[in-house]
Amino acid sequence: MKKTILIIGLFLITVSAMSQRDALYSQFMFNRLVINSGYTGSRDMLTMTLLNRYQWVGFGDGAPRTITFSAHSPLRNENVALGMYVYADQAGPFTDVGFMGNYAYRVRLFQGVLSLGLQAGFNQVNVDWNALNMRDGDDEVITSRPKNKIQPDANFGIYYYTKSYYLGVSSKQLFESQYGKVDFENGLATYGTLARHFYGIAGMALPLGDNVVFRPGMMFKYTANAPLNVDLNASFLINDLIWLGTSYRTNKNAITSKNAVVFMIELNLTENWRLGYSYDYYLTEMKTHSNGSHEIMISYDMNLFKPRTMTPRYF
């Protein structure tokens, strides 16, 4: 009985850790759509972005990996913008996949644009039970091997931006969907919940001369009963061609501490194509078990409704 309680407890801890975990992005400043639905259409052109993240390289099999593709654009009616993104996030035996469709309504306010965005779609979290080595193979949690059904999900975001700065707040996983539910004979049940995440982002662009633009920014992420995650970053645009920057990420989680310094580079390859890369160097004990994390981003911009010469976009 004690073994059964222990295994159930460990399972719940694992589920809880997963439920409080939203995919981590070092280059969030280049792909804000997955954080804030109000960002939809804010580049005033069709933007398509593919991002591939390899986390904890060298950690071994089961190290987290995230792939995301997003696309968004304003319509002929400038007040409306549409978009979407799909993702696959794998960590150990857990795989989280989903699709979100974006709608944003935008209005001119003072010197900028206020955008209210809504994302709606679905996600599915699965567990590869064959990848787990359990000590008690007759435990109900193990023998039932619960499979999560496709669950609806929704996100909401408010985003305000001008040519020189931006501000945004958002909330993700509004439905707090359940997964991995197991019903026991005594009437009790165990399950995980995708906890609601709250984000705040802000940044600005400061020209330092004819050929250099300084862009500081920040992001915070909060989830109930989980440590606050803060990301402070700064980058420089040189000759309208290359972004060079760094970030400092804080997270006081003693188990999977994400305290790290991130080094980033983004190249404006052409008027349409951008290529980005980031490397995370951990400042905690994790660095003795991992060679850091790598993230690659490629993005394409295209004007659909207002053909014009593209200029560098700071946000």
Protein backbone atom coordinates (compact mmCIF):
# COMPACT_ATOMS: atom_id res chain seq x y z
CA MET A 1 0.00 0.00 0.00
CA LYS A 2 2.84 2.39 0.86
CA LYS A 3 4.48 1.66 -2.48
CA THR A 4 1.24 2.37 -4.29
CA ILE A 5 0.79 5.70 -2.52
CA LEU A 6 4.42 6.62 -3.26
CA ILE A 7 4.11 5.86 -6.98
CA ILE A 8 0.83 7.76 -7.24
CA GLY A 9 2.46 10.66 -5.45
CA LEU A 10 5.44 10.65 -7.81
CA PHE A 11 3.09 10.48 -10.77
CA LEU A 12 1.16 13.48 -9.50
CA ILE A 13 4.39 15.43 -8.95
CA THR A 14 5.43 14.67 -12.52
CA VAL A 15 2.01 15.65 -13.87
CA SER A 16 2.02 18.83 -11.80
CA ALA A 17 5.47 19.78 -13.07
CA MET A 18 4.31 19.26 -16.64
CA SER A 19 1.08 21.17 -16.13
CA GLN A 20 2.93 24.24 -14.91
CA ARG A 21 5.35 24.07 -17.80
CA ASP A 22 4.77 26.17 -20.91
CA ALA A 23 7.22 25.88 -23.79
CA LEU A 24 10.35 27.97 -23.26
CA TYR A 25 11.57 30.34 -25.99
CA SER A 26 14.82 32.29 -25.84
CA GLN A 27 13.96 34.22 -29.01
CA PHE A 28 10.48 35.20 -27.87
CA MET A 29 11.12 38.79 -29.04
CA PHE A 30 11.21 37.50 -32.63
CA ASN A 31 8.10 35.34 -32.27
CA ARG A 32 5.68 37.01 -29.85
CA LEU A 33 2.63 35.45 -31.48
CA VAL A 34 2.99 32.30 -29.34
CA ILE A 35 3.02 34.44 -26.19
CA ASN A 36 0.49 37.19 -26.91
CA SER A 37 -2.40 36.81 -29.37
CA GLY A 38 -2.66 40.61 -29.60
CA TYR A 39 0.60 40.54 -31.56
CA THR A 40 -1.31 39.14 -34.54
CA GLY A 41 -0.78 41.32 -37.62
CA SER A 42 1.41 43.86 -35.83
CA ARG A 43 4.17 43.63 -38.45
CA ASP A 44 1.62 44.91 -41.04
CA MET A 45 2.50 42.10 -43.43
CA LEU A 46 2.24 38.35 -43.70
CA THR A 47 4.87 36.88 -41.37
CA MET A 48 5.69 33.17 -41.24
CA THR A 49 8.11 31.87 -38.63
CA LEU A 50 9.58 28.44 -37.96
CA LEU A 51 11.37 27.91 -34.65
CA ASN A 52 13.20 24.79 -33.49
CA ARG A 53 14.57 24.55 -29.95
CA TYR A 54 16.93 21.87 -28.62
CA GLN A 55 17.11 22.15 -24.83
CA TRP A 56 19.69 20.63 -22.49
CA VAL A 57 21.90 19.32 -25.30
CA GLY A 58 24.00 16.39 -24.07
CA PHE A 59 21.55 15.61 -21.26
CA GLY A 60 20.58 12.35 -22.94
CA ASP A 61 17.45 10.82 -24.40
CA GLY A 62 14.29 12.69 -23.49
CA ALA A 63 15.82 16.18 -23.38
CA PRO A 64 13.15 18.79 -24.20
CA ARG A 65 12.62 19.78 -27.81
CA THR A 66 10.10 22.29 -29.18
CA ILE A 67 9.05 22.97 -32.78
CA THR A 68 6.71 25.86 -33.59
CA PHE A 69 5.37 27.26 -36.86
CA SER A 70 3.34 30.47 -36.91
CA ALA A 71 1.79 32.73 -39.54
CA HIS A 72 -0.15 35.97 -39.18
CA SER A 73 -1.21 38.98 -41.24
CA PRO A 74 -3.57 41.96 -41.20
CA LEU A 75 -6.48 41.91 -43.65
CA ARG A 76 -7.59 44.57 -46.12
CA ASN A 77 -9.64 45.88 -43.23
CA GLU A 78 -6.72 47.10 -41.12
CA ASN A 79 -8.73 46.70 -37.93
CA VAL A 80 -8.72 42.93 -38.29
CA ALA A 81 -5.80 40.49 -38.33
CA LEU A 82 -5.75 36.70 -38.50
CA GLY A 83 -3.11 34.12 -37.75
CA MET A 84 -2.32 30.64 -36.49
CA TYR A 85 0.40 28.55 -34.94
CA VAL A 86 1.07 24.86 -34.43
CA TYR A 87 3.54 23.35 -32.00
CA ALA A 88 4.99 20.09 -30.74
CA ASP A 89 6.71 20.14 -27.36
CA GLN A 90 8.42 16.98 -26.11
CA ALA A 91 10.04 16.44 -22.71
CA GLY A 92 10.95 12.93 -21.65
CA PRO A 93 7.88 10.68 -21.97
CA PHE A 94 5.54 13.68 -22.33
CA THR A 95 4.48 15.08 -25.70
CA ASP A 96 2.31 18.19 -25.98
CA VAL A 97 0.95 19.09 -29.43
CA GLY A 98 -1.55 21.74 -30.39
CA PHE A 99 -3.03 24.15 -32.91
CA MET A 100 -4.26 27.69 -32.25
CA GLY A 101 -6.13 30.04 -34.58
CA ASN A 102 -5.69 33.78 -33.95
CA TYR A 103 -8.03 36.74 -34.27
CA ALA A 104 -7.09 40.31 -33.36
CA TYR A 105 -9.08 43.53 -33.47
CA ARG A 106 -6.89 46.64 -33.73
CA VAL A 107 -7.63 50.32 -33.22
CA ARG A 108 -5.50 53.45 -33.44
CA LEU A 109 -4.81 54.91 -30.01
CA PHE A 110 -2.65 57.99 -29.44
CA GLN A 111 0.58 57.43 -31.40
CA GLY A 112 0.22 53.67 -31.71
CA VAL A 113 -2.09 50.70 -32.14
CA LEU A 114 -4.02 48.82 -29.44
CA SER A 115 -4.69 45.21 -30.36
CA LEU A 116 -7.02 42.79 -28.57
CA GLY A 117 -6.33 39.21 -29.54
CA LEU A 118 -7.96 35.86 -28.99
CA GLN A 119 -6.57 32.41 -29.75
CA ALA A 120 -8.71 29.29 -29.84
CA GLY A 121 -7.79 25.74 -30.72
CA PHE A 122 -6.85 22.45 -29.13
CA ASN A 123 -4.01 20.60 -27.48
CA GLN A 124 -3.21 17.04 -26.54
CA VAL A 125 -0.76 15.81 -23.91
CA ASN A 126 0.32 12.18 -24.16
CA VAL A 127 2.60 9.96 -22.09
CA ASP A 128 4.82 7.28 -23.61
CA TRP A 129 4.33 4.68 -20.89
CA ASN A 130 6.75 2.30 -22.63
CA ALA A 131 9.54 4.81 -21.93
CA LEU A 132 8.95 4.59 -18.16
CA ASN A 133 10.52 2.00 -15.87
CA MET A 134 8.11 1.53 -12.97
CA ARG A 135 8.93 -0.43 -9.79
CA ASP A 136 5.31 -1.42 -9.12
CA GLY A 137 3.90 -2.70 -12.40
CA ASP A 138 0.50 -3.58 -10.89
CA ASP A 139 -0.30 -0.03 -9.74
CA GLU A 140 -3.64 1.26 -11.05
CA VAL A 141 -2.02 4.39 -12.50
CA ILE A 142 0.36 2.22 -14.52
CA THR A 143 -2.04 -0.50 -15.60
CA SER A 144 -4.72 1.96 -16.73
CA ARG A 145 -2.21 3.91 -18.86
CA PRO A 146 -4.57 6.88 -19.31
CA LYS A 147 -4.61 8.50 -22.74
CA ASN A 148 -5.43 12.16 -22.97
CA LYS A 149 -8.13 13.19 -25.37
CA ILE A 150 -7.94 16.26 -27.56
CA GLN A 151 -8.88 19.22 -25.37
CA PRO A 152 -10.09 22.70 -26.37
CA ASP A 153 -7.92 25.62 -25.34
CA ALA A 154 -7.97 29.41 -25.56
CA ASN A 155 -5.58 32.31 -24.96
CA PHE A 156 -6.16 36.06 -24.65
CA GLY A 157 -3.80 38.97 -25.13
CA ILE A 158 -3.63 42.78 -25.11
CA TYR A 159 -0.82 44.37 -27.11
CA TYR A 160 -0.03 48.06 -27.63
CA TYR A 161 2.76 49.19 -29.92
CA THR A 162 4.23 52.24 -31.59
CA LYS A 163 7.30 52.67 -33.78
CA SER A 164 9.50 53.01 -30.71
CA TYR A 165 8.05 50.78 -27.96
CA TYR A 166 5.55 48.03 -27.11
CA LEU A 167 3.66 46.72 -24.08
CA GLY A 168 1.62 43.58 -23.66
CA VAL A 169 -0.14 41.31 -21.18
CA SER A 170 -1.64 37.92 -21.92
CA SER A 171 -3.01 34.74 -20.42
CA LYS A 172 -2.68 31.24 -21.87
CA GLN A 173 -4.50 27.96 -21.25
CA LEU A 174 -7.66 29.70 -20.10
CA PHE A 175 -9.66 26.47 -19.94
CA GLU A 176 -7.09 24.74 -17.69
CA SER A 177 -7.85 21.43 -19.41
CA GLN A 178 -7.47 18.15 -17.57
CA TYR A 179 -5.44 15.21 -18.85
CA GLY A 180 -4.21 11.79 -17.75
CA LYS A 181 -7.27 11.15 -15.58
CA VAL A 182 -7.40 7.87 -13.64
CA ASP A 183 -10.57 6.79 -11.75
CA PHE A 184 -9.97 4.44 -8.81
CA GLU A 185 -12.38 1.84 -7.46
CA ASN A 186 -12.82 3.78 -4.22
CA GLY A 187 -14.32 6.69 -6.13
CA LEU A 188 -11.22 8.87 -6.04
CA ALA A 189 -9.47 10.12 -9.17
CA THR A 190 -6.15 11.61 -10.15
CA TYR A 191 -5.43 13.87 -13.12
CA GLY A 192 -3.23 16.69 -14.29
CA THR A 193 -4.31 20.21 -15.17
CA LEU A 194 -2.72 22.54 -17.71
CA ALA A 195 -2.30 25.51 -15.41
CA ARG A 196 -3.09 29.02 -16.61
CA HIS A 197 -0.01 31.08 -17.50
CA PHE A 198 0.26 34.87 -17.35
CA TYR A 199 2.76 36.89 -19.39
CA GLY A 200 3.93 40.47 -19.46
CA ILE A 201 6.21 41.86 -22.17
CA ALA A 202 7.67 45.29 -22.84
CA GLY A 203 10.44 46.78 -24.94
CA MET A 204 11.62 49.79 -26.87
CA ALA A 205 13.96 50.85 -29.70
CA LEU A 206 16.45 53.68 -29.18
CA PRO A 207 18.51 54.92 -32.16
CA LEU A 208 22.12 55.51 -31.09
CA GLY A 209 23.20 56.96 -34.41
CA ASP A 210 22.68 56.45 -38.12
CA ASN A 211 23.74 52.80 -38.07
CA VAL A 212 22.94 51.46 -34.58
CA VAL A 213 19.63 50.86 -32.79
CA PHE A 214 19.51 49.72 -29.17
CA ARG A 215 16.55 47.50 -28.22
CA PRO A 216 16.08 46.57 -24.54
CA GLY A 217 13.18 44.34 -23.51
CA MET A 218 11.74 42.14 -20.81
CA MET A 219 9.29 39.31 -20.28
CA PHE A 220 7.86 37.78 -17.15
CA LYS A 221 5.85 34.59 -16.85
CA TYR A 222 3.78 33.65 -13.83
CA THR A 223 1.89 30.48 -12.95
CA ALA A 224 0.22 29.80 -9.62
CA ASN A 225 2.37 27.65 -7.29
CA ALA A 226 5.39 27.96 -9.59
CA PRO A 227 8.43 30.26 -9.53
CA LEU A 228 8.28 33.58 -11.37
CA ASN A 229 10.28 33.51 -14.59
CA VAL A 230 11.87 36.81 -15.68
CA ASP A 231 13.80 37.42 -18.89
CA LEU A 232 15.78 40.65 -19.35
CA ASN A 233 17.32 41.19 -22.76
CA ALA A 234 19.16 43.79 -24.82
CA SER A 235 20.21 43.78 -28.47
CA PHE A 236 21.75 46.09 -31.05
CA LEU A 237 20.78 46.43 -34.70
CA ILE A 238 23.84 47.27 -36.79
CA ASN A 239 23.55 48.70 -40.31
CA ASP A 240 19.97 47.38 -40.58
CA LEU A 241 21.47 43.95 -41.20
CA ILE A 242 22.34 42.15 -37.99
CA TRP A 243 20.94 41.97 -34.47
CA LEU A 244 23.39 41.05 -31.70
CA GLY A 245 22.01 40.58 -28.22
CA THR A 246 21.97 38.82 -24.90
CA SER A 247 19.41 37.86 -22.25
CA TYR A 248 19.49 36.97 -18.59
CA ARG A 249 16.81 34.55 -17.43
CA THR A 250 15.92 33.95 -13.80
CA ASN A 251 13.93 31.10 -12.33
CA LYS A 252 14.24 29.94 -8.71
CA ASN A 253 12.99 26.41 -9.35
CA ALA A 254 15.53 24.29 -7.48
CA ILE A 255 14.85 21.18 -9.56
CA THR A 256 14.90 22.48 -13.15
CA SER A 257 16.47 25.86 -12.62
CA LYS A 258 16.54 27.89 -15.81
CA ASN A 259 18.92 30.62 -14.61
CA ALA A 260 20.87 31.27 -17.78
CA VAL A 261 22.63 33.76 -19.99
CA VAL A 262 21.43 33.70 -23.59
CA PHE A 263 23.45 34.86 -26.59
CA MET A 264 21.47 35.76 -29.71
CA ILE A 265 22.02 36.77 -33.30
CA GLU A 266 19.52 37.61 -36.03
CA LEU A 267 20.40 38.32 -39.67
CA ASN A 268 18.23 40.26 -42.10
CA LEU A 269 19.26 38.10 -45.05
CA THR A 270 17.07 39.95 -47.56
CA GLU A 271 14.08 42.26 -47.41
CA ASN A 272 11.94 39.18 -46.82
CA TRP A 273 14.06 36.58 -45.00
CA ARG A 274 15.37 36.61 -41.42
CA LEU A 275 17.49 34.00 -39.70
CA GLY A 276 18.04 33.81 -35.95
CA TYR A 277 20.07 31.69 -33.55
CA SER A 278 20.41 31.64 -29.75
CA TYR A 279 22.51 29.69 -27.26
CA ASP A 280 21.61 29.27 -23.58
CA TYR A 281 24.46 28.95 -21.08
CA TYR A 282 23.22 27.79 -17.68
CA LEU A 283 24.48 29.37 -14.48
CA THR A 284 23.40 26.56 -12.16
CA GLU A 285 24.36 22.93 -11.58
CA MET A 286 22.56 22.10 -14.84
CA LYS A 287 25.69 23.22 -16.73
CA THR A 288 27.55 20.14 -15.41
CA HIS A 289 24.97 17.86 -17.07
CA SER A 290 24.19 19.78 -20.25
CA ASN A 291 25.97 21.57 -23.08
CA GLY A 292 23.38 24.33 -23.07
CA SER A 293 20.40 24.85 -25.34
CA HIS A 294 20.21 25.82 -29.00
CA GLU A 295 17.39 27.58 -30.78
CA ILE A 296 17.12 28.24 -34.53
CA MET A 297 14.57 30.58 -36.10
CA ILE A 298 13.78 31.37 -39.73
CA SER A 299 11.14 33.89 -40.75
CA TYR A 300 9.66 35.20 -44.00
CA ASP A 301 7.79 38.49 -44.49
CA MET A 302 5.59 39.38 -47.45
CA ASN A 303 3.32 42.35 -48.13
CA LEU A 304 -0.09 41.13 -49.26
CA PHE A 305 -2.23 44.23 -49.42
CA LYS A 306 0.14 47.22 -49.40
CA PRO A 307 3.08 46.66 -51.76
CA ARG A 308 5.94 48.88 -50.66
CA THR A 309 9.64 48.80 -49.93
CA MET A 310 10.21 46.98 -46.68
CA THR A 311 12.12 48.72 -43.92
CA PRO A 312 13.65 47.07 -40.86
CA ARG A 313 11.02 46.32 -38.23
CA TYR A 314 12.21 46.68 -34.65
CA PHE A 315 9.35 44.65 -33.20
